[in-house]
C-alpha atoms as a PDB file:
ATOM      1  CA  SER A   1     128.567 104.024 157.550  1.00  0.00           C
ATOM      2  CA  CYS A   2     126.832 104.542 154.353  1.00  0.00           C
ATOM      3  CA  THR A   3     127.175 103.810 150.593  1.00  0.00           C
ATOM      4  CA  ASP A   4     125.389 106.780 149.147  1.00  0.00           C
ATOM      5  CA  CYS A   5     126.194 109.776 151.339  1.00  0.00           C
ATOM      6  CA  PRO A   6     128.877 112.520 150.758  1.00  0.00           C
ATOM      7  CA  ALA A   7     130.894 111.930 153.975  1.00  0.00           C
ATOM      8  CA  PRO A   8     130.814 108.288 155.013  1.00  0.00           C
ATOM      9  CA  SER A   9     132.685 107.335 158.209  1.00  0.00           C
ATOM     10  CA  VAL A  10     134.936 104.241 158.472  1.00  0.00           C
ATOM     11  CA  VAL A  11     137.335 102.596 160.735  1.00  0.00           C
ATOM     12  CA  PRO A  12     138.850  99.828 158.556  1.00  0.00           C
ATOM     13  CA  PRO A  13     141.878  97.749 159.694  1.00  0.00           C
ATOM     14  CA  GLY A  14     144.064  97.047 156.698  1.00  0.00           C
ATOM     15  CA  GLN A  15     143.681  97.985 153.125  1.00  0.00           C
ATOM     16  CA  THR A  16     140.570  99.102 151.814  1.00  0.00           C
ATOM     17  CA  THR A  17     139.757 100.367 148.293  1.00  0.00           C
ATOM     18  CA  TYR A  18     136.827 102.877 147.808  1.00  0.00           C
ATOM     19  CA  ARG A  19     135.256 103.527 144.400  1.00  0.00           C
ATOM     20  CA  VAL A  20     133.755 106.993 143.936  1.00  0.00           C
ATOM     21  CA  VAL A  21     131.347 107.819 141.183  1.00  0.00           C
ATOM     22  CA  VAL A  22     129.969 111.302 140.719  1.00  0.00           C
ATOM     23  CA  GLU A  23     127.410 112.840 138.270  1.00  0.00           C
ATOM     24  CA  ASP A  24     127.212 116.384 137.257  1.00  0.00           C
ATOM     25  CA  GLN A  25     124.209 118.449 136.476  1.00  0.00           C
ATOM     26  CA  ASP A  26     124.664 117.657 132.567  1.00  0.00           C
ATOM     27  CA  GLY A  27     124.701 113.705 133.470  1.00  0.00           C
ATOM     28  CA  CYS A  28     128.290 113.394 132.869  1.00  0.00           C
ATOM     29  CA  LEU A  29     129.951 110.706 134.980  1.00  0.00           C
ATOM     30  CA  ALA A  30     133.337 110.463 136.526  1.00  0.00           C
ATOM     31  CA  GLU A  31     134.803 107.816 138.841  1.00  0.00           C
ATOM     32  CA  ASP A  32     138.104 107.171 140.714  1.00  0.00           C
ATOM     33  CA  THR A  33     139.297 104.518 143.121  1.00  0.00           C
ATOM     34  CA  TYR A  34     141.250 105.492 146.085  1.00  0.00           C
ATOM     35  CA  THR A  35     143.172 102.836 148.321  1.00  0.00           C
ATOM     36  CA  LEU A  36     143.459 103.611 152.151  1.00  0.00           C
ATOM     37  CA  PHE A  37     146.083 101.882 154.280  1.00  0.00           C
ATOM     38  CA  THR A  38     145.316 101.814 158.015  1.00  0.00           C
ATOM     39  CA  SER A  39     146.702 100.299 160.825  1.00  0.00           C
ATOM     40  CA  LEU A  40     144.425  99.429 163.845  1.00  0.00           C
ATOM     41  CA  THR A  41     145.609 100.879 166.970  1.00  0.00           C
ATOM     42  CA  ARG A  42     144.253  99.627 170.333  1.00  0.00           C
ATOM     43  CA  PRO A  43     144.908 102.565 172.828  1.00  0.00           C
ATOM     44  CA  LEU A  44     143.326 101.928 176.121  1.00  0.00           C
ATOM     45  CA  TYR A  45     143.480 104.598 179.022  1.00  0.00           C
ATOM     46  CA  ALA A  46     143.279 103.654 182.567  1.00  0.00           C
ATOM     47  CA  PRO A  47     143.560 106.108 185.489  1.00  0.00           C
ATOM     48  CA  THR A  48     146.219 105.793 187.923  1.00  0.00           C
ATOM     49  CA  ALA A  49     144.438 107.514 190.671  1.00  0.00           C
ATOM     50  CA  VAL A  50     140.532 107.397 191.641  1.00  0.00           C
ATOM     51  CA  MET A  51     138.655 109.490 194.377  1.00  0.00           C
ATOM     52  CA  PRO A  52     135.023 108.416 194.504  1.00  0.00           C
ATOM     53  CA  THR A  53     134.118 111.500 196.396  1.00  0.00           C
ATOM     54  CA  SER A  54     135.359 113.827 193.349  1.00  0.00           C
ATOM     55  CA  SER A  55     133.026 115.715 191.162  1.00  0.00           C
ATOM     56  CA  ARG A  56     135.640 115.855 188.297  1.00  0.00           C
ATOM     57  CA  GLY A  57     134.954 112.780 186.580  1.00  0.00           C
ATOM     58  CA  ASN A  58     137.476 110.399 188.221  1.00  0.00           C
ATOM     59  CA  ASP A  59     134.934 109.265 191.064  1.00  0.00           C
ATOM     60  CA  ARG A  60     134.963 105.628 189.500  1.00  0.00           C
ATOM     61  CA  PHE A  61     137.510 103.350 188.042  1.00  0.00           C
ATOM     62  CA  ARG A  62     136.680 102.603 184.371  1.00  0.00           C
ATOM     63  CA  ILE A  63     138.897 102.175 181.310  1.00  0.00           C
ATOM     64  CA  TYR A  64     138.473 104.387 178.133  1.00  0.00           C
ATOM     65  CA  LEU A  65     138.797 102.677 174.674  1.00  0.00           C
ATOM     66  CA  ASN A  66     138.783 104.120 170.978  1.00  0.00           C
ATOM     67  CA  VAL A  67     136.414 102.936 168.254  1.00  0.00           C
ATOM     68  CA  ALA A  68     138.645 100.041 167.596  1.00  0.00           C
ATOM     69  CA  ALA A  69     137.269  98.289 170.739  1.00  0.00           C
ATOM     70  CA  GLU A  70     134.109  96.485 170.322  1.00  0.00           C
ATOM     71  CA  LEU A  71     133.370  94.937 173.659  1.00  0.00           C
ATOM     72  CA  ILE A  72     134.712  94.736 177.201  1.00  0.00           C
ATOM     73  CA  GLU A  73     134.363  90.925 177.755  1.00  0.00           C
ATOM     74  CA  SER A  74     135.668  91.309 181.292  1.00  0.00           C
ATOM     75  CA  LEU A  75     136.840  94.024 183.871  1.00  0.00           C
ATOM     76  CA  SER A  76     137.911  93.080 187.320  1.00  0.00           C
ATOM     77  CA  VAL A  77     139.446  95.057 190.330  1.00  0.00           C
ATOM     78  CA  TYR A  78     141.420  93.248 193.007  1.00  0.00           C
ATOM     79  CA  ASP A  79     143.018  94.310 196.303  1.00  0.00           C
ATOM     80  CA  ARG A  80     146.733  93.263 196.934  1.00  0.00           C
ATOM     81  CA  TRP A  81     145.751  90.003 198.371  1.00  0.00           C
ATOM     82  CA  GLY A  82     143.847  88.935 195.411  1.00  0.00           C
ATOM     83  CA  ASN A  83     140.402  89.333 196.512  1.00  0.00           C
ATOM     84  CA  GLN A  84     137.972  90.378 193.792  1.00  0.00           C
ATOM     85  CA  PHE A  85     136.146  93.687 194.715  1.00  0.00           C
ATOM     86  CA  TYR A  86     134.506  94.369 191.152  1.00  0.00           C
ATOM     87  CA  HIS A  87     133.618  92.356 188.092  1.00  0.00           C
ATOM     88  CA  VAL A  88     131.548  93.217 184.944  1.00  0.00           C
ATOM     89  CA  GLU A  89     131.341  91.148 181.760  1.00  0.00           C
ATOM     90  CA  ASN A  90     130.050  92.146 178.189  1.00  0.00           C
ATOM     91  CA  VAL A  91     129.975  95.755 178.640  1.00  0.00           C
ATOM     92  CA  LEU A  92     130.010  98.067 175.586  1.00  0.00           C
ATOM     93  CA  PRO A  93     132.989 100.444 175.734  1.00  0.00           C
ATOM     94  CA  ASP A  94     130.961 103.552 175.739  1.00  0.00           C
ATOM     95  CA  ASP A  95     128.488 102.258 178.388  1.00  0.00           C
ATOM     96  CA  LEU A  96     130.036 104.431 181.261  1.00  0.00           C
ATOM     97  CA  LEU A  97     126.862 103.691 183.376  1.00  0.00           C
ATOM     98  CA  ALA A  98     127.393 100.040 183.429  1.00  0.00           C
ATOM     99  CA  LEU A  99     131.236 100.481 183.641  1.00  0.00           C
ATOM    100  CA  GLY A 100     133.134 101.623 186.742  1.00  0.00           C
ATOM    101  CA  TRP A 101     133.959 100.737 190.402  1.00  0.00           C
ATOM    102  CA  ASP A 102     132.856 103.208 192.872  1.00  0.00           C
ATOM    103  CA  GLY A 103     135.396 102.180 195.707  1.00  0.00           C
ATOM    104  CA  ARG A 104     132.933  99.848 197.499  1.00  0.00           C
ATOM    105  CA  HIS A 105     132.631  96.309 198.238  1.00  0.00           C
ATOM    106  CA  ASN A 106     129.384  94.798 199.287  1.00  0.00           C
ATOM    107  CA  GLY A 107     128.117  98.256 199.946  1.00  0.00           C
ATOM    108  CA  VAL A 108     130.885  99.355 202.111  1.00  0.00           C
ATOM    109  CA  LYS A 109     133.678 101.796 201.087  1.00  0.00           C
ATOM    110  CA  VAL A 110     137.085  99.896 200.951  1.00  0.00           C
ATOM    111  CA  GLN A 111     140.266 101.455 202.336  1.00  0.00           C
ATOM    112  CA  SER A 112     142.243 103.775 200.506  1.00  0.00           C
ATOM    113  CA  GLY A 113     145.346 102.016 198.792  1.00  0.00           C
ATOM    114  CA  VAL A 114     146.552 100.551 195.578  1.00  0.00           C
ATOM    115  CA  TYR A 115     144.464  98.192 193.608  1.00  0.00           C
ATOM    116  CA  VAL A 116     144.991  95.865 190.600  1.00  0.00           C
ATOM    117  CA  TRP A 117     142.827  95.673 187.575  1.00  0.00           C
ATOM    118  CA  ALA A 118     142.410  93.196 184.791  1.00  0.00           C
ATOM    119  CA  ALA A 119     140.552  93.496 181.523  1.00  0.00           C
ATOM    120  CA  LYS A 120     139.765  91.307 178.456  1.00  0.00           C
ATOM    121  CA  ILE A 121     138.943  93.439 175.361  1.00  0.00           C
ATOM    122  CA  ARG A 122     137.507  92.548 171.903  1.00  0.00           C
ATOM    123  CA  PHE A 123     138.539  94.514 169.025  1.00  0.00           C
ATOM    124  CA  ILE A 124     136.543  95.070 165.725  1.00  0.00           C
ATOM    125  CA  ASP A 125     139.009  92.694 163.975  1.00  0.00           C
ATOM    126  CA  GLY A 126     137.875  89.884 166.305  1.00  0.00           C
ATOM    127  CA  GLU A 127     141.374  90.051 168.215  1.00  0.00           C
ATOM    128  CA  VAL A 128     140.760  89.614 171.960  1.00  0.00           C
ATOM    129  CA  LEU A 129     143.614  91.059 174.300  1.00  0.00           C
ATOM    130  CA  ASN A 130     144.278  91.124 177.929  1.00  0.00           C
ATOM    131  CA  PHE A 131     145.467  94.170 179.626  1.00  0.00           C
ATOM    132  CA  ALA A 132     146.102  94.899 183.396  1.00  0.00           C
ATOM    133  CA  GLY A 133     147.386  97.558 185.787  1.00  0.00           C
ATOM    134  CA  GLU A 134     147.026  99.493 189.044  1.00  0.00           C
ATOM    135  CA  PHE A 135     145.588 102.564 190.380  1.00  0.00           C
ATOM    136  CA  THR A 136     145.386 104.249 193.752  1.00  0.00           C
ATOM    137  CA  LEU A 137     142.148 104.822 195.500  1.00  0.00           C
ATOM    138  CA  PHE A 138     141.677 107.646 197.660  1.00  0.00           C
ATOM    139  CA  GLN A 139     138.678 107.534 199.886  1.00  0.00           C
END
């Protein structure tokens, strides 16, 4: 996040070596290096139940990702016959206002039931992965 601040934040996949140089009040310098080994985790949370009339945060179907996700390239919701009821493209993972299906199709509430979702997610290391699942909609 910065190269000259006391507490930089980073999410580096793989191996990264940091060089730290400090100077005391007398002008004496000291330096050290530290190698950090990290693995890029790609957790995704998708609810298994959605109730559009709820006021507890599960009123829309949306997926939740961590900082390793760069972009939701696509997210779609289908009924059990394969009809697409919701689709978005190129949404930032933290843009919850632009992301989320409210249980309507063409402005009309759909029936309660099991729906299928599919998503294509781009991560900060450039890898694009496909995810899918199902959830129950309660109207």
